[in-house]
Amino acid sequence: MKNEIKLFFHCKDCGGGHPAVGWTDKGVQVWCETCDENILHLDFMGQKMKYADDEEQAHKEINCKCGLCGEESK
């Protein structure tokens, strides 16, 4: 997979900081750990999401196996 990022999210207060990105009950949140402030919170409005993996397998269900986040393996 190649980097397809067009724009970066950054903190409006510190101009960068240390962004933390993670899943929430509603979607995905980007949080500035330097300022302890929200940068962005995407609400998927209950929609099921998939992520782009690579060109041979264009989409795959999100399925965490870390055991820390509470997402169950399927």
C-alpha atoms as a PDB file:
ATOM      1  CA  MET A   1       0.000   0.000   0.000  1.00  0.00           C
ATOM      2  CA  LYS A   2       1.219   3.517  -0.722  1.00  0.00           C
ATOM      3  CA  ASN A   3       0.688   6.768   1.157  1.00  0.00           C
ATOM      4  CA  GLU A   4      -2.408   8.478  -0.265  1.00  0.00           C
ATOM      5  CA  ILE A   5      -2.717  11.264   2.351  1.00  0.00           C
ATOM      6  CA  LYS A   6      -3.669  14.590   0.738  1.00  0.00           C
ATOM      7  CA  LEU A   7      -3.926  16.786   3.861  1.00  0.00           C
ATOM      8  CA  PHE A   8      -2.779  16.305   7.446  1.00  0.00           C
ATOM      9  CA  PHE A   9      -4.763  17.017  10.597  1.00  0.00           C
ATOM     10  CA  HIS A  10      -3.010  19.306  13.054  1.00  0.00           C
ATOM     11  CA  CYS A  11      -3.822  21.125  16.263  1.00  0.00           C
ATOM     12  CA  LYS A  12      -5.005  24.712  15.745  1.00  0.00           C
ATOM     13  CA  ASP A  13      -3.435  25.751  19.069  1.00  0.00           C
ATOM     14  CA  CYS A  14       0.078  24.331  18.846  1.00  0.00           C
ATOM     15  CA  GLY A  15       0.306  23.703  15.094  1.00  0.00           C
ATOM     16  CA  GLY A  16       1.186  20.057  15.434  1.00  0.00           C
ATOM     17  CA  GLY A  17       1.661  18.525  18.848  1.00  0.00           C
ATOM     18  CA  HIS A  18       1.422  14.806  19.363  1.00  0.00           C
ATOM     19  CA  PRO A  19      -1.792  13.638  17.682  1.00  0.00           C
ATOM     20  CA  ALA A  20      -3.404  10.469  18.971  1.00  0.00           C
ATOM     21  CA  VAL A  21      -5.827   8.751  16.588  1.00  0.00           C
ATOM     22  CA  GLY A  22      -8.301   6.109  17.648  1.00  0.00           C
ATOM     23  CA  TRP A  23     -11.756   4.579  17.469  1.00  0.00           C
ATOM     24  CA  THR A  24     -14.622   5.964  19.548  1.00  0.00           C
ATOM     25  CA  ASP A  25     -18.205   4.771  19.993  1.00  0.00           C
ATOM     26  CA  LYS A  26     -19.191   7.126  17.141  1.00  0.00           C
ATOM     27  CA  GLY A  27     -16.243   6.826  14.763  1.00  0.00           C
ATOM     28  CA  VAL A  28     -12.648   8.113  14.809  1.00  0.00           C
ATOM     29  CA  GLN A  29     -11.123  10.888  16.887  1.00  0.00           C
ATOM     30  CA  VAL A  30      -7.861  12.803  16.455  1.00  0.00           C
ATOM     31  CA  TRP A  31      -6.698  14.216  19.799  1.00  0.00           C
ATOM     32  CA  CYS A  32      -3.789  16.565  20.553  1.00  0.00           C
ATOM     33  CA  GLU A  33      -1.958  15.031  23.496  1.00  0.00           C
ATOM     34  CA  THR A  34       0.170  18.186  23.861  1.00  0.00           C
ATOM     35  CA  CYS A  35      -2.797  20.549  24.341  1.00  0.00           C
ATOM     36  CA  ASP A  36      -5.247  17.897  25.613  1.00  0.00           C
ATOM     37  CA  GLU A  37      -7.753  19.116  23.013  1.00  0.00           C
ATOM     38  CA  ASN A  38      -9.899  17.588  20.287  1.00  0.00           C
ATOM     39  CA  ILE A  39      -8.577  18.106  16.749  1.00  0.00           C
ATOM     40  CA  LEU A  40     -11.269  16.176  14.888  1.00  0.00           C
ATOM     41  CA  HIS A  41     -13.989  13.646  15.703  1.00  0.00           C
ATOM     42  CA  LEU A  42     -15.580  11.882  12.733  1.00  0.00           C
ATOM     43  CA  ASP A  43     -19.064  10.516  13.432  1.00  0.00           C
ATOM     44  CA  PHE A  44     -19.818   7.597  11.098  1.00  0.00           C
ATOM     45  CA  MET A  45     -23.496   7.794  12.130  1.00  0.00           C
ATOM     46  CA  GLY A  46     -23.754   4.054  12.744  1.00  0.00           C
ATOM     47  CA  GLN A  47     -22.430   3.038   9.322  1.00  0.00           C
ATOM     48  CA  LYS A  48     -20.285  -0.097   9.062  1.00  0.00           C
ATOM     49  CA  MET A  49     -16.798   0.803   7.925  1.00  0.00           C
ATOM     50  CA  LYS A  50     -14.089  -1.010   6.024  1.00  0.00           C
ATOM     51  CA  TYR A  51     -10.497   0.013   5.456  1.00  0.00           C
ATOM     52  CA  ALA A  52      -8.410  -0.086   2.305  1.00  0.00           C
ATOM     53  CA  ASP A  53      -5.722  -2.769   2.633  1.00  0.00           C
ATOM     54  CA  ASP A  54      -3.862  -3.140  -0.637  1.00  0.00           C
ATOM     55  CA  GLU A  55      -4.550  -3.474  -4.332  1.00  0.00           C
ATOM     56  CA  GLU A  56      -5.106  -7.249  -4.238  1.00  0.00           C
ATOM     57  CA  GLN A  57      -7.547  -7.015  -1.342  1.00  0.00           C
ATOM     58  CA  ALA A  58      -9.178  -3.596  -1.749  1.00  0.00           C
ATOM     59  CA  HIS A  59     -11.337  -3.746   1.389  1.00  0.00           C
ATOM     60  CA  LYS A  60     -11.290  -5.766   4.578  1.00  0.00           C
ATOM     61  CA  GLU A  61     -13.512  -5.608   7.668  1.00  0.00           C
ATOM     62  CA  ILE A  62     -11.993  -3.815  10.645  1.00  0.00           C
ATOM     63  CA  ASN A  63     -11.256  -6.534  13.158  1.00  0.00           C
ATOM     64  CA  CYS A  64      -8.914  -5.792  16.048  1.00  0.00           C
ATOM     65  CA  LYS A  65      -7.138  -8.683  17.762  1.00  0.00           C
ATOM     66  CA  CYS A  66      -5.205  -6.663  20.368  1.00  0.00           C
ATOM     67  CA  GLY A  67      -7.590  -7.513  23.226  1.00  0.00           C
ATOM     68  CA  LEU A  68      -7.206  -3.998  24.657  1.00  0.00           C
ATOM     69  CA  CYS A  69      -9.876  -2.046  22.794  1.00  0.00           C
ATOM     70  CA  GLY A  70     -12.799  -4.413  23.355  1.00  0.00           C
ATOM     71  CA  GLU A  71     -13.369  -5.101  19.650  1.00  0.00           C
ATOM     72  CA  GLU A  72     -14.231  -8.773  19.270  1.00  0.00           C
ATOM     73  CA  SER A  73     -12.441 -10.890  16.675  1.00  0.00           C
ATOM     74  CA  LYS A  74     -14.737 -12.458  14.096  1.00  0.00           C
END
